[in-house]
Amino acid sequence: MNDLTLWGLVLAIGAATFLIRYSFIYLVGRTGDLPPRISHALAFVPPAVFAALVVPEFVSYDGVLHVAPDQLGAGIAAALVAWYTENMFATIAAGMLALWTLRFLV
C-alpha cells in the first residue's frame, strides 16, 4: 500500500465518520425532537460508555480471567464516595488514597 492509497483511505474513513455524526446532529436540529424510542435508547449510552472505560481497568482476560484486587477495591471505594458525597474531588481523593493503600498492603 503506497502513501497515496493510505492517505486516501484515512480521508475516506474520516469523511464517513463525519457524515454519520453530522447526519444525526442535522436530524435532531431539523426536527427539533427525537422519537421516544430513540430517546429511550440514548439514555443507556452514558452508562454503557462508562462501563466500557472502567471495567478493563479492573478485569482482564487472556484465556483466564484476571481481577486486579487493588484497582477493584479502589474503584469500589471511589464509587461509594461518589454515591454518598456527589463530590468529584472527594471521589478522586478517596480512589487515589484507597489505591495507594491497597498497593502498599497487597
C-alpha atoms as a PDB file:
ATOM      1  CA  MET A   1       0.000   0.000   0.000  1.00  0.00           C
ATOM      2  CA  ASN A   2       1.577   3.270  -1.065  1.00  0.00           C
ATOM      3  CA  ASP A   3       1.294   6.600   0.747  1.00  0.00           C
ATOM      4  CA  LEU A   4      -1.373   7.996  -1.567  1.00  0.00           C
ATOM      5  CA  THR A   5      -3.634   4.983  -1.007  1.00  0.00           C
ATOM      6  CA  LEU A   6      -3.118   5.179   2.738  1.00  0.00           C
ATOM      7  CA  TRP A   7      -3.974   8.880   2.905  1.00  0.00           C
ATOM      8  CA  GLY A   8      -6.973   8.339   0.651  1.00  0.00           C
ATOM      9  CA  LEU A   9      -8.213   5.618   2.979  1.00  0.00           C
ATOM     10  CA  VAL A  10      -7.700   7.822   6.051  1.00  0.00           C
ATOM     11  CA  LEU A  11      -9.603  10.695   4.416  1.00  0.00           C
ATOM     12  CA  ALA A  12     -12.432   8.409   3.272  1.00  0.00           C
ATOM     13  CA  ILE A  13     -12.877   6.907   6.733  1.00  0.00           C
ATOM     14  CA  GLY A  14     -12.708  10.379   8.303  1.00  0.00           C
ATOM     15  CA  ALA A  15     -15.345  11.686   5.887  1.00  0.00           C
ATOM     16  CA  ALA A  16     -17.609   8.703   6.559  1.00  0.00           C
ATOM     17  CA  THR A  17     -17.294   9.208  10.316  1.00  0.00           C
ATOM     18  CA  PHE A  18     -18.033  12.919   9.966  1.00  0.00           C
ATOM     19  CA  LEU A  19     -21.083  12.306   7.779  1.00  0.00           C
ATOM     20  CA  ILE A  20     -22.534   9.727  10.162  1.00  0.00           C
ATOM     21  CA  ARG A  21     -22.172  12.082  13.124  1.00  0.00           C
ATOM     22  CA  TYR A  22     -23.340  15.142  11.203  1.00  0.00           C
ATOM     23  CA  SER A  23     -26.420  13.340   9.892  1.00  0.00           C
ATOM     24  CA  PHE A  24     -27.576  12.675  13.446  1.00  0.00           C
ATOM     25  CA  ILE A  25     -26.961  16.290  14.503  1.00  0.00           C
ATOM     26  CA  TYR A  26     -28.745  17.506  11.361  1.00  0.00           C
ATOM     27  CA  LEU A  27     -31.709  15.205  12.020  1.00  0.00           C
ATOM     28  CA  VAL A  28     -32.144  16.448  15.581  1.00  0.00           C
ATOM     29  CA  GLY A  29     -31.673  20.087  14.570  1.00  0.00           C
ATOM     30  CA  ARG A  30     -34.154  19.798  11.730  1.00  0.00           C
ATOM     31  CA  THR A  31     -36.961  18.028  13.548  1.00  0.00           C
ATOM     32  CA  GLY A  32     -36.285  19.570  16.947  1.00  0.00           C
ATOM     33  CA  ASP A  33     -37.274  16.412  18.779  1.00  0.00           C
ATOM     34  CA  LEU A  34     -36.235  12.797  18.809  1.00  0.00           C
ATOM     35  CA  PRO A  35     -38.676   9.938  18.575  1.00  0.00           C
ATOM     36  CA  PRO A  36     -39.407   8.453  22.014  1.00  0.00           C
ATOM     37  CA  ARG A  37     -37.830   5.128  21.102  1.00  0.00           C
ATOM     38  CA  ILE A  38     -34.510   6.779  20.199  1.00  0.00           C
ATOM     39  CA  SER A  39     -34.602   8.983  23.315  1.00  0.00           C
ATOM     40  CA  HIS A  40     -35.134   5.893  25.441  1.00  0.00           C
ATOM     41  CA  ALA A  41     -32.246   4.082  23.741  1.00  0.00           C
ATOM     42  CA  LEU A  42     -29.918   7.079  24.125  1.00  0.00           C
ATOM     43  CA  ALA A  43     -30.498   7.063  27.887  1.00  0.00           C
ATOM     44  CA  PHE A  44     -28.361   3.901  28.035  1.00  0.00           C
ATOM     45  CA  VAL A  45     -25.361   5.380  26.205  1.00  0.00           C
ATOM     46  CA  PRO A  46     -23.615   7.113  29.169  1.00  0.00           C
ATOM     47  CA  PRO A  47     -23.682   4.045  31.460  1.00  0.00           C
ATOM     48  CA  ALA A  48     -22.505   1.823  28.599  1.00  0.00           C
ATOM     49  CA  VAL A  49     -19.612   4.135  27.735  1.00  0.00           C
ATOM     50  CA  PHE A  50     -18.678   4.467  31.414  1.00  0.00           C
ATOM     51  CA  ALA A  51     -18.666   0.687  31.842  1.00  0.00           C
ATOM     52  CA  ALA A  52     -16.592   0.243  28.683  1.00  0.00           C
ATOM     53  CA  LEU A  53     -13.996   2.679  30.016  1.00  0.00           C
ATOM     54  CA  VAL A  54     -13.884   1.462  33.628  1.00  0.00           C
ATOM     55  CA  VAL A  55     -14.234  -2.338  33.534  1.00  0.00           C
ATOM     56  CA  PRO A  56     -10.993  -3.018  31.586  1.00  0.00           C
ATOM     57  CA  GLU A  57      -9.084  -1.326  34.421  1.00  0.00           C
ATOM     58  CA  PHE A  58     -10.376  -3.908  36.903  1.00  0.00           C
ATOM     59  CA  VAL A  59     -10.665  -7.072  34.829  1.00  0.00           C
ATOM     60  CA  SER A  60      -8.586  -8.537  32.014  1.00  0.00           C
ATOM     61  CA  TYR A  61      -8.945 -11.733  30.028  1.00  0.00           C
ATOM     62  CA  ASP A  62      -6.182 -13.563  28.199  1.00  0.00           C
ATOM     63  CA  GLY A  63      -7.544 -17.074  28.268  1.00  0.00           C
ATOM     64  CA  VAL A  64      -8.018 -16.766  32.021  1.00  0.00           C
ATOM     65  CA  LEU A  65      -9.997 -14.113  33.869  1.00  0.00           C
ATOM     66  CA  HIS A  66      -7.729 -11.818  35.901  1.00  0.00           C
ATOM     67  CA  VAL A  67      -9.013  -9.366  38.510  1.00  0.00           C
ATOM     68  CA  ALA A  68      -6.793  -6.603  39.891  1.00  0.00           C
ATOM     69  CA  PRO A  69      -7.779  -6.588  43.588  1.00  0.00           C
ATOM     70  CA  ASP A  70      -6.121  -3.271  44.402  1.00  0.00           C
ATOM     71  CA  GLN A  71      -7.747  -1.451  41.493  1.00  0.00           C
ATOM     72  CA  LEU A  72     -11.107  -3.122  42.106  1.00  0.00           C
ATOM     73  CA  GLY A  73     -11.040  -2.141  45.781  1.00  0.00           C
ATOM     74  CA  ALA A  74     -10.112   1.441  44.931  1.00  0.00           C
ATOM     75  CA  GLY A  75     -12.871   1.571  42.324  1.00  0.00           C
ATOM     76  CA  ILE A  76     -15.454   0.335  44.806  1.00  0.00           C
ATOM     77  CA  ALA A  77     -14.255   2.858  47.404  1.00  0.00           C
ATOM     78  CA  ALA A  78     -14.422   5.680  44.861  1.00  0.00           C
ATOM     79  CA  ALA A  79     -17.897   4.587  43.733  1.00  0.00           C
ATOM     80  CA  LEU A  80     -19.169   4.586  47.316  1.00  0.00           C
ATOM     81  CA  VAL A  81     -17.724   8.040  47.998  1.00  0.00           C
ATOM     82  CA  ALA A  82     -19.208   9.332  44.739  1.00  0.00           C
ATOM     83  CA  TRP A  83     -22.594   7.916  45.638  1.00  0.00           C
ATOM     84  CA  TYR A  84     -22.666   9.372  49.138  1.00  0.00           C
ATOM     85  CA  THR A  85     -20.992  12.750  48.604  1.00  0.00           C
ATOM     86  CA  GLU A  86     -21.590  13.522  44.895  1.00  0.00           C
ATOM     87  CA  ASN A  87     -18.308  15.452  45.109  1.00  0.00           C
ATOM     88  CA  MET A  88     -15.816  14.827  42.319  1.00  0.00           C
ATOM     89  CA  PHE A  89     -12.774  15.969  44.324  1.00  0.00           C
ATOM     90  CA  ALA A  90     -13.692  13.702  47.239  1.00  0.00           C
ATOM     91  CA  THR A  91     -14.240  10.808  44.830  1.00  0.00           C
ATOM     92  CA  ILE A  92     -10.846  11.230  43.173  1.00  0.00           C
ATOM     93  CA  ALA A  93      -9.095  11.691  46.516  1.00  0.00           C
ATOM     94  CA  ALA A  94     -10.767   8.626  48.041  1.00  0.00           C
ATOM     95  CA  GLY A  95      -9.984   6.492  44.991  1.00  0.00           C
ATOM     96  CA  MET A  96      -6.333   7.550  44.950  1.00  0.00           C
ATOM     97  CA  LEU A  97      -5.940   7.059  48.696  1.00  0.00           C
ATOM     98  CA  ALA A  98      -7.570   3.628  48.520  1.00  0.00           C
ATOM     99  CA  LEU A  99      -5.410   2.603  45.556  1.00  0.00           C
ATOM    100  CA  TRP A 100      -2.181   3.707  47.232  1.00  0.00           C
ATOM    101  CA  THR A 101      -3.158   1.984  50.471  1.00  0.00           C
ATOM    102  CA  LEU A 102      -4.137  -1.247  48.747  1.00  0.00           C
ATOM    103  CA  ARG A 103      -0.976  -1.286  46.617  1.00  0.00           C
ATOM    104  CA  PHE A 104       1.084  -0.862  49.768  1.00  0.00           C
ATOM    105  CA  LEU A 105      -0.773  -3.711  51.501  1.00  0.00           C
ATOM    106  CA  VAL A 106      -1.192  -6.160  48.612  1.00  0.00           C
END
